[in-house]
Structures are given as C-alpha cells and as structure tokens.
C-alpha cells in the first residue's frame, strides 16, 4: 500500500489516561 508521508506531523509524546464507569 501507499507509504504514509505525514507522520512528522503526528501528536507529541504524552502520557494519557481514562477512567470509565458504566451500567447495563
């Protein structure tokens, strides 16, 4: 497939997190 050319524009390094609370 085509090689991606724009990865120099990707998001910066960052530690990330997410908490979730659900009910069914």
PDBML (XML) file of the C-alpha atoms, coordinates in Angstrom:
<?xml version="1.0" encoding="UTF-8" ?>
<PDBx:datablock datablockName="MODEL"
   xmlns:PDBx="http://pdbml.pdb.org/schema/pdbx-v50.xsd"
   xmlns:xsi="http://www.w3.org/2001/XMLSchema-instance"
   xsi:schemaLocation="http://pdbml.pdb.org/schema/pdbx-v50.xsd pdbx-v50.xsd">
   <PDBx:atom_siteCategory>
      <PDBx:atom_site id="1">
         <PDBx:B_iso_or_equiv>0.00</PDBx:B_iso_or_equiv>
         <PDBx:Cartn_x>0.000</PDBx:Cartn_x>
         <PDBx:Cartn_y>0.000</PDBx:Cartn_y>
         <PDBx:Cartn_z>0.000</PDBx:Cartn_z>
         <PDBx:auth_asym_id>A</PDBx:auth_asym_id>
         <PDBx:auth_atom_id>CA</PDBx:auth_atom_id>
         <PDBx:auth_comp_id>UNK</PDBx:auth_comp_id>
         <PDBx:auth_seq_id>1</PDBx:auth_seq_id>
         <PDBx:group_PDB>ATOM</PDBx:group_PDB>
         <PDBx:label_alt_id xsi:nil="true" />
         <PDBx:label_asym_id>A</PDBx:label_asym_id>
         <PDBx:label_atom_id>CA</PDBx:label_atom_id>
         <PDBx:label_comp_id>UNK</PDBx:label_comp_id>
         <PDBx:label_entity_id>1</PDBx:label_entity_id>
         <PDBx:label_seq_id>1</PDBx:label_seq_id>
         <PDBx:occupancy>1.00</PDBx:occupancy>
         <PDBx:pdbx_PDB_model_num>1</PDBx:pdbx_PDB_model_num>
         <PDBx:type_symbol>C</PDBx:type_symbol>
      </PDBx:atom_site>
      <PDBx:atom_site id="2">
         <PDBx:B_iso_or_equiv>0.00</PDBx:B_iso_or_equiv>
         <PDBx:Cartn_x>0.955</PDBx:Cartn_x>
         <PDBx:Cartn_y>3.691</PDBx:Cartn_y>
         <PDBx:Cartn_z>-0.189</PDBx:Cartn_z>
         <PDBx:auth_asym_id>A</PDBx:auth_asym_id>
         <PDBx:auth_atom_id>CA</PDBx:auth_atom_id>
         <PDBx:auth_comp_id>UNK</PDBx:auth_comp_id>
         <PDBx:auth_seq_id>2</PDBx:auth_seq_id>
         <PDBx:group_PDB>ATOM</PDBx:group_PDB>
         <PDBx:label_alt_id xsi:nil="true" />
         <PDBx:label_asym_id>A</PDBx:label_asym_id>
         <PDBx:label_atom_id>CA</PDBx:label_atom_id>
         <PDBx:label_comp_id>UNK</PDBx:label_comp_id>
         <PDBx:label_entity_id>1</PDBx:label_entity_id>
         <PDBx:label_seq_id>2</PDBx:label_seq_id>
         <PDBx:occupancy>1.00</PDBx:occupancy>
         <PDBx:pdbx_PDB_model_num>1</PDBx:pdbx_PDB_model_num>
         <PDBx:type_symbol>C</PDBx:type_symbol>
      </PDBx:atom_site>
      <PDBx:atom_site id="3">
         <PDBx:B_iso_or_equiv>0.00</PDBx:B_iso_or_equiv>
         <PDBx:Cartn_x>3.517</PDBx:Cartn_x>
         <PDBx:Cartn_y>4.701</PDBx:Cartn_y>
         <PDBx:Cartn_z>2.407</PDBx:Cartn_z>
         <PDBx:auth_asym_id>A</PDBx:auth_asym_id>
         <PDBx:auth_atom_id>CA</PDBx:auth_atom_id>
         <PDBx:auth_comp_id>UNK</PDBx:auth_comp_id>
         <PDBx:auth_seq_id>3</PDBx:auth_seq_id>
         <PDBx:group_PDB>ATOM</PDBx:group_PDB>
         <PDBx:label_alt_id xsi:nil="true" />
         <PDBx:label_asym_id>A</PDBx:label_asym_id>
         <PDBx:label_atom_id>CA</PDBx:label_atom_id>
         <PDBx:label_comp_id>UNK</PDBx:label_comp_id>
         <PDBx:label_entity_id>1</PDBx:label_entity_id>
         <PDBx:label_seq_id>3</PDBx:label_seq_id>
         <PDBx:occupancy>1.00</PDBx:occupancy>
         <PDBx:pdbx_PDB_model_num>1</PDBx:pdbx_PDB_model_num>
         <PDBx:type_symbol>C</PDBx:type_symbol>
      </PDBx:atom_site>
      <PDBx:atom_site id="4">
         <PDBx:B_iso_or_equiv>0.00</PDBx:B_iso_or_equiv>
         <PDBx:Cartn_x>2.221</PDBx:Cartn_x>
         <PDBx:Cartn_y>7.303</PDBx:Cartn_y>
         <PDBx:Cartn_z>4.888</PDBx:Cartn_z>
         <PDBx:auth_asym_id>A</PDBx:auth_asym_id>
         <PDBx:auth_atom_id>CA</PDBx:auth_atom_id>
         <PDBx:auth_comp_id>UNK</PDBx:auth_comp_id>
         <PDBx:auth_seq_id>4</PDBx:auth_seq_id>
         <PDBx:group_PDB>ATOM</PDBx:group_PDB>
         <PDBx:label_alt_id xsi:nil="true" />
         <PDBx:label_asym_id>A</PDBx:label_asym_id>
         <PDBx:label_atom_id>CA</PDBx:label_atom_id>
         <PDBx:label_comp_id>UNK</PDBx:label_comp_id>
         <PDBx:label_entity_id>1</PDBx:label_entity_id>
         <PDBx:label_seq_id>4</PDBx:label_seq_id>
         <PDBx:occupancy>1.00</PDBx:occupancy>
         <PDBx:pdbx_PDB_model_num>1</PDBx:pdbx_PDB_model_num>
         <PDBx:type_symbol>C</PDBx:type_symbol>
      </PDBx:atom_site>
      <PDBx:atom_site id="5">
         <PDBx:B_iso_or_equiv>0.00</PDBx:B_iso_or_equiv>
         <PDBx:Cartn_x>4.147</PDBx:Cartn_x>
         <PDBx:Cartn_y>10.536</PDBx:Cartn_y>
         <PDBx:Cartn_z>4.411</PDBx:Cartn_z>
         <PDBx:auth_asym_id>A</PDBx:auth_asym_id>
         <PDBx:auth_atom_id>CA</PDBx:auth_atom_id>
         <PDBx:auth_comp_id>UNK</PDBx:auth_comp_id>
         <PDBx:auth_seq_id>5</PDBx:auth_seq_id>
         <PDBx:group_PDB>ATOM</PDBx:group_PDB>
         <PDBx:label_alt_id xsi:nil="true" />
         <PDBx:label_asym_id>A</PDBx:label_asym_id>
         <PDBx:label_atom_id>CA</PDBx:label_atom_id>
         <PDBx:label_comp_id>UNK</PDBx:label_comp_id>
         <PDBx:label_entity_id>1</PDBx:label_entity_id>
         <PDBx:label_seq_id>5</PDBx:label_seq_id>
         <PDBx:occupancy>1.00</PDBx:occupancy>
         <PDBx:pdbx_PDB_model_num>1</PDBx:pdbx_PDB_model_num>
         <PDBx:type_symbol>C</PDBx:type_symbol>
      </PDBx:atom_site>
      <PDBx:atom_site id="6">
         <PDBx:B_iso_or_equiv>0.00</PDBx:B_iso_or_equiv>
         <PDBx:Cartn_x>2.877</PDBx:Cartn_x>
         <PDBx:Cartn_y>12.735</PDBx:Cartn_y>
         <PDBx:Cartn_z>7.227</PDBx:Cartn_z>
         <PDBx:auth_asym_id>A</PDBx:auth_asym_id>
         <PDBx:auth_atom_id>CA</PDBx:auth_atom_id>
         <PDBx:auth_comp_id>UNK</PDBx:auth_comp_id>
         <PDBx:auth_seq_id>6</PDBx:auth_seq_id>
         <PDBx:group_PDB>ATOM</PDBx:group_PDB>
         <PDBx:label_alt_id xsi:nil="true" />
         <PDBx:label_asym_id>A</PDBx:label_asym_id>
         <PDBx:label_atom_id>CA</PDBx:label_atom_id>
         <PDBx:label_comp_id>UNK</PDBx:label_comp_id>
         <PDBx:label_entity_id>1</PDBx:label_entity_id>
         <PDBx:label_seq_id>6</PDBx:label_seq_id>
         <PDBx:occupancy>1.00</PDBx:occupancy>
         <PDBx:pdbx_PDB_model_num>1</PDBx:pdbx_PDB_model_num>
         <PDBx:type_symbol>C</PDBx:type_symbol>
      </PDBx:atom_site>
      <PDBx:atom_site id="7">
         <PDBx:B_iso_or_equiv>0.00</PDBx:B_iso_or_equiv>
         <PDBx:Cartn_x>3.992</PDBx:Cartn_x>
         <PDBx:Cartn_y>11.084</PDBx:Cartn_y>
         <PDBx:Cartn_z>10.455</PDBx:Cartn_z>
         <PDBx:auth_asym_id>A</PDBx:auth_asym_id>
         <PDBx:auth_atom_id>CA</PDBx:auth_atom_id>
         <PDBx:auth_comp_id>UNK</PDBx:auth_comp_id>
         <PDBx:auth_seq_id>7</PDBx:auth_seq_id>
         <PDBx:group_PDB>ATOM</PDBx:group_PDB>
         <PDBx:label_alt_id xsi:nil="true" />
         <PDBx:label_asym_id>A</PDBx:label_asym_id>
         <PDBx:label_atom_id>CA</PDBx:label_atom_id>
         <PDBx:label_comp_id>UNK</PDBx:label_comp_id>
         <PDBx:label_entity_id>1</PDBx:label_entity_id>
         <PDBx:label_seq_id>7</PDBx:label_seq_id>
         <PDBx:occupancy>1.00</PDBx:occupancy>
         <PDBx:pdbx_PDB_model_num>1</PDBx:pdbx_PDB_model_num>
         <PDBx:type_symbol>C</PDBx:type_symbol>
      </PDBx:atom_site>
      <PDBx:atom_site id="8">
         <PDBx:B_iso_or_equiv>0.00</PDBx:B_iso_or_equiv>
         <PDBx:Cartn_x>6.321</PDBx:Cartn_x>
         <PDBx:Cartn_y>14.031</PDBx:Cartn_y>
         <PDBx:Cartn_z>11.152</PDBx:Cartn_z>
         <PDBx:auth_asym_id>A</PDBx:auth_asym_id>
         <PDBx:auth_atom_id>CA</PDBx:auth_atom_id>
         <PDBx:auth_comp_id>UNK</PDBx:auth_comp_id>
         <PDBx:auth_seq_id>8</PDBx:auth_seq_id>
         <PDBx:group_PDB>ATOM</PDBx:group_PDB>
         <PDBx:label_alt_id xsi:nil="true" />
         <PDBx:label_asym_id>A</PDBx:label_asym_id>
         <PDBx:label_atom_id>CA</PDBx:label_atom_id>
         <PDBx:label_comp_id>UNK</PDBx:label_comp_id>
         <PDBx:label_entity_id>1</PDBx:label_entity_id>
         <PDBx:label_seq_id>8</PDBx:label_seq_id>
         <PDBx:occupancy>1.00</PDBx:occupancy>
         <PDBx:pdbx_PDB_model_num>1</PDBx:pdbx_PDB_model_num>
         <PDBx:type_symbol>C</PDBx:type_symbol>
      </PDBx:atom_site>
      <PDBx:atom_site id="9">
         <PDBx:B_iso_or_equiv>0.00</PDBx:B_iso_or_equiv>
         <PDBx:Cartn_x>3.085</PDBx:Cartn_x>
         <PDBx:Cartn_y>15.923</PDBx:Cartn_y>
         <PDBx:Cartn_z>11.892</PDBx:Cartn_z>
         <PDBx:auth_asym_id>A</PDBx:auth_asym_id>
         <PDBx:auth_atom_id>CA</PDBx:auth_atom_id>
         <PDBx:auth_comp_id>UNK</PDBx:auth_comp_id>
         <PDBx:auth_seq_id>9</PDBx:auth_seq_id>
         <PDBx:group_PDB>ATOM</PDBx:group_PDB>
         <PDBx:label_alt_id xsi:nil="true" />
         <PDBx:label_asym_id>A</PDBx:label_asym_id>
         <PDBx:label_atom_id>CA</PDBx:label_atom_id>
         <PDBx:label_comp_id>UNK</PDBx:label_comp_id>
         <PDBx:label_entity_id>1</PDBx:label_entity_id>
         <PDBx:label_seq_id>9</PDBx:label_seq_id>
         <PDBx:occupancy>1.00</PDBx:occupancy>
         <PDBx:pdbx_PDB_model_num>1</PDBx:pdbx_PDB_model_num>
         <PDBx:type_symbol>C</PDBx:type_symbol>
      </PDBx:atom_site>
      <PDBx:atom_site id="10">
         <PDBx:B_iso_or_equiv>0.00</PDBx:B_iso_or_equiv>
         <PDBx:Cartn_x>1.808</PDBx:Cartn_x>
         <PDBx:Cartn_y>13.423</PDBx:Cartn_y>
         <PDBx:Cartn_z>14.486</PDBx:Cartn_z>
         <PDBx:auth_asym_id>A</PDBx:auth_asym_id>
         <PDBx:auth_atom_id>CA</PDBx:auth_atom_id>
         <PDBx:auth_comp_id>UNK</PDBx:auth_comp_id>
         <PDBx:auth_seq_id>10</PDBx:auth_seq_id>
         <PDBx:group_PDB>ATOM</PDBx:group_PDB>
         <PDBx:label_alt_id xsi:nil="true" />
         <PDBx:label_asym_id>A</PDBx:label_asym_id>
         <PDBx:label_atom_id>CA</PDBx:label_atom_id>
         <PDBx:label_comp_id>UNK</PDBx:label_comp_id>
         <PDBx:label_entity_id>1</PDBx:label_entity_id>
         <PDBx:label_seq_id>10</PDBx:label_seq_id>
         <PDBx:occupancy>1.00</PDBx:occupancy>
         <PDBx:pdbx_PDB_model_num>1</PDBx:pdbx_PDB_model_num>
         <PDBx:type_symbol>C</PDBx:type_symbol>
      </PDBx:atom_site>
      <PDBx:atom_site id="11">
         <PDBx:B_iso_or_equiv>0.00</PDBx:B_iso_or_equiv>
         <PDBx:Cartn_x>0.811</PDBx:Cartn_x>
         <PDBx:Cartn_y>14.306</PDBx:Cartn_y>
         <PDBx:Cartn_z>18.048</PDBx:Cartn_z>
         <PDBx:auth_asym_id>A</PDBx:auth_asym_id>
         <PDBx:auth_atom_id>CA</PDBx:auth_atom_id>
         <PDBx:auth_comp_id>UNK</PDBx:auth_comp_id>
         <PDBx:auth_seq_id>11</PDBx:auth_seq_id>
         <PDBx:group_PDB>ATOM</PDBx:group_PDB>
         <PDBx:label_alt_id xsi:nil="true" />
         <PDBx:label_asym_id>A</PDBx:label_asym_id>
         <PDBx:label_atom_id>CA</PDBx:label_atom_id>
         <PDBx:label_comp_id>UNK</PDBx:label_comp_id>
         <PDBx:label_entity_id>1</PDBx:label_entity_id>
         <PDBx:label_seq_id>11</PDBx:label_seq_id>
         <PDBx:occupancy>1.00</PDBx:occupancy>
         <PDBx:pdbx_PDB_model_num>1</PDBx:pdbx_PDB_model_num>
         <PDBx:type_symbol>C</PDBx:type_symbol>
      </PDBx:atom_site>
      <PDBx:atom_site id="12">
         <PDBx:B_iso_or_equiv>0.00</PDBx:B_iso_or_equiv>
         <PDBx:Cartn_x>3.611</PDBx:Cartn_x>
         <PDBx:Cartn_y>14.878</PDBx:Cartn_y>
         <PDBx:Cartn_z>20.560</PDBx:Cartn_z>
         <PDBx:auth_asym_id>A</PDBx:auth_asym_id>
         <PDBx:auth_atom_id>CA</PDBx:auth_atom_id>
         <PDBx:auth_comp_id>UNK</PDBx:auth_comp_id>
         <PDBx:auth_seq_id>12</PDBx:auth_seq_id>
         <PDBx:group_PDB>ATOM</PDBx:group_PDB>
         <PDBx:label_alt_id xsi:nil="true" />
         <PDBx:label_asym_id>A</PDBx:label_asym_id>
         <PDBx:label_atom_id>CA</PDBx:label_atom_id>
         <PDBx:label_comp_id>UNK</PDBx:label_comp_id>
         <PDBx:label_entity_id>1</PDBx:label_entity_id>
         <PDBx:label_seq_id>12</PDBx:label_seq_id>
         <PDBx:occupancy>1.00</PDBx:occupancy>
         <PDBx:pdbx_PDB_model_num>1</PDBx:pdbx_PDB_model_num>
         <PDBx:type_symbol>C</PDBx:type_symbol>
      </PDBx:atom_site>
      <PDBx:atom_site id="13">
         <PDBx:B_iso_or_equiv>0.00</PDBx:B_iso_or_equiv>
         <PDBx:Cartn_x>4.577</PDBx:Cartn_x>
         <PDBx:Cartn_y>12.277</PDBx:Cartn_y>
         <PDBx:Cartn_z>23.161</PDBx:Cartn_z>
         <PDBx:auth_asym_id>A</PDBx:auth_asym_id>
         <PDBx:auth_atom_id>CA</PDBx:auth_atom_id>
         <PDBx:auth_comp_id>UNK</PDBx:auth_comp_id>
         <PDBx:auth_seq_id>13</PDBx:auth_seq_id>
         <PDBx:group_PDB>ATOM</PDBx:group_PDB>
         <PDBx:label_alt_id xsi:nil="true" />
         <PDBx:label_asym_id>A</PDBx:label_asym_id>
         <PDBx:label_atom_id>CA</PDBx:label_atom_id>
         <PDBx:label_comp_id>UNK</PDBx:label_comp_id>
         <PDBx:label_entity_id>1</PDBx:label_entity_id>
         <PDBx:label_seq_id>13</PDBx:label_seq_id>
         <PDBx:occupancy>1.00</PDBx:occupancy>
         <PDBx:pdbx_PDB_model_num>1</PDBx:pdbx_PDB_model_num>
         <PDBx:type_symbol>C</PDBx:type_symbol>
      </PDBx:atom_site>
      <PDBx:atom_site id="14">
         <PDBx:B_iso_or_equiv>0.00</PDBx:B_iso_or_equiv>
         <PDBx:Cartn_x>2.150</PDBx:Cartn_x>
         <PDBx:Cartn_y>12.399</PDBx:Cartn_y>
         <PDBx:Cartn_z>26.073</PDBx:Cartn_z>
         <PDBx:auth_asym_id>A</PDBx:auth_asym_id>
         <PDBx:auth_atom_id>CA</PDBx:auth_atom_id>
         <PDBx:auth_comp_id>UNK</PDBx:auth_comp_id>
         <PDBx:auth_seq_id>14</PDBx:auth_seq_id>
         <PDBx:group_PDB>ATOM</PDBx:group_PDB>
         <PDBx:label_alt_id xsi:nil="true" />
         <PDBx:label_asym_id>A</PDBx:label_asym_id>
         <PDBx:label_atom_id>CA</PDBx:label_atom_id>
         <PDBx:label_comp_id>UNK</PDBx:label_comp_id>
         <PDBx:label_entity_id>1</PDBx:label_entity_id>
         <PDBx:label_seq_id>14</PDBx:label_seq_id>
         <PDBx:occupancy>1.00</PDBx:occupancy>
         <PDBx:pdbx_PDB_model_num>1</PDBx:pdbx_PDB_model_num>
         <PDBx:type_symbol>C</PDBx:type_symbol>
      </PDBx:atom_site>
      <PDBx:atom_site id="15">
         <PDBx:B_iso_or_equiv>0.00</PDBx:B_iso_or_equiv>
         <PDBx:Cartn_x>1.155</PDBx:Cartn_x>
         <PDBx:Cartn_y>10.056</PDBx:Cartn_y>
         <PDBx:Cartn_z>28.882</PDBx:Cartn_z>
         <PDBx:auth_asym_id>A</PDBx:auth_asym_id>
         <PDBx:auth_atom_id>CA</PDBx:auth_atom_id>
         <PDBx:auth_comp_id>UNK</PDBx:auth_comp_id>
         <PDBx:auth_seq_id>15</PDBx:auth_seq_id>
         <PDBx:group_PDB>ATOM</PDBx:group_PDB>
         <PDBx:label_alt_id xsi:nil="true" />
         <PDBx:label_asym_id>A</PDBx:label_asym_id>
         <PDBx:label_atom_id>CA</PDBx:label_atom_id>
         <PDBx:label_comp_id>UNK</PDBx:label_comp_id>
         <PDBx:label_entity_id>1</PDBx:label_entity_id>
         <PDBx:label_seq_id>15</PDBx:label_seq_id>
         <PDBx:occupancy>1.00</PDBx:occupancy>
         <PDBx:pdbx_PDB_model_num>1</PDBx:pdbx_PDB_model_num>
         <PDBx:type_symbol>C</PDBx:type_symbol>
      </PDBx:atom_site>
      <PDBx:atom_site id="16">
         <PDBx:B_iso_or_equiv>0.00</PDBx:B_iso_or_equiv>
         <PDBx:Cartn_x>-2.623</PDBx:Cartn_x>
         <PDBx:Cartn_y>9.616</PDBx:Cartn_y>
         <PDBx:Cartn_z>28.763</PDBx:Cartn_z>
         <PDBx:auth_asym_id>A</PDBx:auth_asym_id>
         <PDBx:auth_atom_id>CA</PDBx:auth_atom_id>
         <PDBx:auth_comp_id>UNK</PDBx:auth_comp_id>
         <PDBx:auth_seq_id>16</PDBx:auth_seq_id>
         <PDBx:group_PDB>ATOM</PDBx:group_PDB>
         <PDBx:label_alt_id xsi:nil="true" />
         <PDBx:label_asym_id>A</PDBx:label_asym_id>
         <PDBx:label_atom_id>CA</PDBx:label_atom_id>
         <PDBx:label_comp_id>UNK</PDBx:label_comp_id>
         <PDBx:label_entity_id>1</PDBx:label_entity_id>
         <PDBx:label_seq_id>16</PDBx:label_seq_id>
         <PDBx:occupancy>1.00</PDBx:occupancy>
         <PDBx:pdbx_PDB_model_num>1</PDBx:pdbx_PDB_model_num>
         <PDBx:type_symbol>C</PDBx:type_symbol>
      </PDBx:atom_site>
      <PDBx:atom_site id="17">
         <PDBx:B_iso_or_equiv>0.00</PDBx:B_iso_or_equiv>
         <PDBx:Cartn_x>-5.345</PDBx:Cartn_x>
         <PDBx:Cartn_y>8.036</PDBx:Cartn_y>
         <PDBx:Cartn_z>30.890</PDBx:Cartn_z>
         <PDBx:auth_asym_id>A</PDBx:auth_asym_id>
         <PDBx:auth_atom_id>CA</PDBx:auth_atom_id>
         <PDBx:auth_comp_id>UNK</PDBx:auth_comp_id>
         <PDBx:auth_seq_id>17</PDBx:auth_seq_id>
         <PDBx:group_PDB>ATOM</PDBx:group_PDB>
         <PDBx:label_alt_id xsi:nil="true" />
         <PDBx:label_asym_id>A</PDBx:label_asym_id>
         <PDBx:label_atom_id>CA</PDBx:label_atom_id>
         <PDBx:label_comp_id>UNK</PDBx:label_comp_id>
         <PDBx:label_entity_id>1</PDBx:label_entity_id>
         <PDBx:label_seq_id>17</PDBx:label_seq_id>
         <PDBx:occupancy>1.00</PDBx:occupancy>
         <PDBx:pdbx_PDB_model_num>1</PDBx:pdbx_PDB_model_num>
         <PDBx:type_symbol>C</PDBx:type_symbol>
      </PDBx:atom_site>
      <PDBx:atom_site id="18">
         <PDBx:B_iso_or_equiv>0.00</PDBx:B_iso_or_equiv>
         <PDBx:Cartn_x>-9.059</PDBx:Cartn_x>
         <PDBx:Cartn_y>7.356</PDBx:Cartn_y>
         <PDBx:Cartn_z>31.074</PDBx:Cartn_z>
         <PDBx:auth_asym_id>A</PDBx:auth_asym_id>
         <PDBx:auth_atom_id>CA</PDBx:auth_atom_id>
         <PDBx:auth_comp_id>UNK</PDBx:auth_comp_id>
         <PDBx:auth_seq_id>18</PDBx:auth_seq_id>
         <PDBx:group_PDB>ATOM</PDBx:group_PDB>
         <PDBx:label_alt_id xsi:nil="true" />
         <PDBx:label_asym_id>A</PDBx:label_asym_id>
         <PDBx:label_atom_id>CA</PDBx:label_atom_id>
         <PDBx:label_comp_id>UNK</PDBx:label_comp_id>
         <PDBx:label_entity_id>1</PDBx:label_entity_id>
         <PDBx:label_seq_id>18</PDBx:label_seq_id>
         <PDBx:occupancy>1.00</PDBx:occupancy>
         <PDBx:pdbx_PDB_model_num>1</PDBx:pdbx_PDB_model_num>
         <PDBx:type_symbol>C</PDBx:type_symbol>
      </PDBx:atom_site>
      <PDBx:atom_site id="19">
         <PDBx:B_iso_or_equiv>0.00</PDBx:B_iso_or_equiv>
         <PDBx:Cartn_x>-11.460</PDBx:Cartn_x>
         <PDBx:Cartn_y>6.195</PDBx:Cartn_y>
         <PDBx:Cartn_z>33.817</PDBx:Cartn_z>
         <PDBx:auth_asym_id>A</PDBx:auth_asym_id>
         <PDBx:auth_atom_id>CA</PDBx:auth_atom_id>
         <PDBx:auth_comp_id>UNK</PDBx:auth_comp_id>
         <PDBx:auth_seq_id>19</PDBx:auth_seq_id>
         <PDBx:group_PDB>ATOM</PDBx:group_PDB>
         <PDBx:label_alt_id xsi:nil="true" />
         <PDBx:label_asym_id>A</PDBx:label_asym_id>
         <PDBx:label_atom_id>CA</PDBx:label_atom_id>
         <PDBx:label_comp_id>UNK</PDBx:label_comp_id>
         <PDBx:label_entity_id>1</PDBx:label_entity_id>
         <PDBx:label_seq_id>19</PDBx:label_seq_id>
         <PDBx:occupancy>1.00</PDBx:occupancy>
         <PDBx:pdbx_PDB_model_num>1</PDBx:pdbx_PDB_model_num>
         <PDBx:type_symbol>C</PDBx:type_symbol>
      </PDBx:atom_site>
      <PDBx:atom_site id="20">
         <PDBx:B_iso_or_equiv>0.00</PDBx:B_iso_or_equiv>
         <PDBx:Cartn_x>-14.843</PDBx:Cartn_x>
         <PDBx:Cartn_y>4.677</PDBx:Cartn_y>
         <PDBx:Cartn_z>32.915</PDBx:Cartn_z>
         <PDBx:auth_asym_id>A</PDBx:auth_asym_id>
         <PDBx:auth_atom_id>CA</PDBx:auth_atom_id>
         <PDBx:auth_comp_id>UNK</PDBx:auth_comp_id>
         <PDBx:auth_seq_id>20</PDBx:auth_seq_id>
         <PDBx:group_PDB>ATOM</PDBx:group_PDB>
         <PDBx:label_alt_id xsi:nil="true" />
         <PDBx:label_asym_id>A</PDBx:label_asym_id>
         <PDBx:label_atom_id>CA</PDBx:label_atom_id>
         <PDBx:label_comp_id>UNK</PDBx:label_comp_id>
         <PDBx:label_entity_id>1</PDBx:label_entity_id>
         <PDBx:label_seq_id>20</PDBx:label_seq_id>
         <PDBx:occupancy>1.00</PDBx:occupancy>
         <PDBx:pdbx_PDB_model_num>1</PDBx:pdbx_PDB_model_num>
         <PDBx:type_symbol>C</PDBx:type_symbol>
      </PDBx:atom_site>
      <PDBx:atom_site id="21">
         <PDBx:B_iso_or_equiv>0.00</PDBx:B_iso_or_equiv>
         <PDBx:Cartn_x>-17.913</PDBx:Cartn_x>
         <PDBx:Cartn_y>3.749</PDBx:Cartn_y>
         <PDBx:Cartn_z>34.949</PDBx:Cartn_z>
         <PDBx:auth_asym_id>A</PDBx:auth_asym_id>
         <PDBx:auth_atom_id>CA</PDBx:auth_atom_id>
         <PDBx:auth_comp_id>UNK</PDBx:auth_comp_id>
         <PDBx:auth_seq_id>21</PDBx:auth_seq_id>
         <PDBx:group_PDB>ATOM</PDBx:group_PDB>
         <PDBx:label_alt_id xsi:nil="true" />
         <PDBx:label_asym_id>A</PDBx:label_asym_id>
         <PDBx:label_atom_id>CA</PDBx:label_atom_id>
         <PDBx:label_comp_id>UNK</PDBx:label_comp_id>
         <PDBx:label_entity_id>1</PDBx:label_entity_id>
         <PDBx:label_seq_id>21</PDBx:label_seq_id>
         <PDBx:occupancy>1.00</PDBx:occupancy>
         <PDBx:pdbx_PDB_model_num>1</PDBx:pdbx_PDB_model_num>
         <PDBx:type_symbol>C</PDBx:type_symbol>
      </PDBx:atom_site>
      <PDBx:atom_site id="22">
         <PDBx:B_iso_or_equiv>0.00</PDBx:B_iso_or_equiv>
         <PDBx:Cartn_x>-20.839</PDBx:Cartn_x>
         <PDBx:Cartn_y>2.027</PDBx:Cartn_y>
         <PDBx:Cartn_z>33.274</PDBx:Cartn_z>
         <PDBx:auth_asym_id>A</PDBx:auth_asym_id>
         <PDBx:auth_atom_id>CA</PDBx:auth_atom_id>
         <PDBx:auth_comp_id>UNK</PDBx:auth_comp_id>
         <PDBx:auth_seq_id>22</PDBx:auth_seq_id>
         <PDBx:group_PDB>ATOM</PDBx:group_PDB>
         <PDBx:label_alt_id xsi:nil="true" />
         <PDBx:label_asym_id>A</PDBx:label_asym_id>
         <PDBx:label_atom_id>CA</PDBx:label_atom_id>
         <PDBx:label_comp_id>UNK</PDBx:label_comp_id>
         <PDBx:label_entity_id>1</PDBx:label_entity_id>
         <PDBx:label_seq_id>22</PDBx:label_seq_id>
         <PDBx:occupancy>1.00</PDBx:occupancy>
         <PDBx:pdbx_PDB_model_num>1</PDBx:pdbx_PDB_model_num>
         <PDBx:type_symbol>C</PDBx:type_symbol>
      </PDBx:atom_site>
      <PDBx:atom_site id="23">
         <PDBx:B_iso_or_equiv>0.00</PDBx:B_iso_or_equiv>
         <PDBx:Cartn_x>-24.024</PDBx:Cartn_x>
         <PDBx:Cartn_y>0.064</PDBx:Cartn_y>
         <PDBx:Cartn_z>33.945</PDBx:Cartn_z>
         <PDBx:auth_asym_id>A</PDBx:auth_asym_id>
         <PDBx:auth_atom_id>CA</PDBx:auth_atom_id>
         <PDBx:auth_comp_id>UNK</PDBx:auth_comp_id>
         <PDBx:auth_seq_id>23</PDBx:auth_seq_id>
         <PDBx:group_PDB>ATOM</PDBx:group_PDB>
         <PDBx:label_alt_id xsi:nil="true" />
         <PDBx:label_asym_id>A</PDBx:label_asym_id>
         <PDBx:label_atom_id>CA</PDBx:label_atom_id>
         <PDBx:label_comp_id>UNK</PDBx:label_comp_id>
         <PDBx:label_entity_id>1</PDBx:label_entity_id>
         <PDBx:label_seq_id>23</PDBx:label_seq_id>
         <PDBx:occupancy>1.00</PDBx:occupancy>
         <PDBx:pdbx_PDB_model_num>1</PDBx:pdbx_PDB_model_num>
         <PDBx:type_symbol>C</PDBx:type_symbol>
      </PDBx:atom_site>
      <PDBx:atom_site id="24">
         <PDBx:B_iso_or_equiv>0.00</PDBx:B_iso_or_equiv>
         <PDBx:Cartn_x>-26.176</PDBx:Cartn_x>
         <PDBx:Cartn_y>-2.276</PDBx:Cartn_y>
         <PDBx:Cartn_z>31.853</PDBx:Cartn_z>
         <PDBx:auth_asym_id>A</PDBx:auth_asym_id>
         <PDBx:auth_atom_id>CA</PDBx:auth_atom_id>
         <PDBx:auth_comp_id>UNK</PDBx:auth_comp_id>
         <PDBx:auth_seq_id>24</PDBx:auth_seq_id>
         <PDBx:group_PDB>ATOM</PDBx:group_PDB>
         <PDBx:label_alt_id xsi:nil="true" />
         <PDBx:label_asym_id>A</PDBx:label_asym_id>
         <PDBx:label_atom_id>CA</PDBx:label_atom_id>
         <PDBx:label_comp_id>UNK</PDBx:label_comp_id>
         <PDBx:label_entity_id>1</PDBx:label_entity_id>
         <PDBx:label_seq_id>24</PDBx:label_seq_id>
         <PDBx:occupancy>1.00</PDBx:occupancy>
         <PDBx:pdbx_PDB_model_num>1</PDBx:pdbx_PDB_model_num>
         <PDBx:type_symbol>C</PDBx:type_symbol>
      </PDBx:atom_site>
   </PDBx:atom_siteCategory>
</PDBx:datablock>
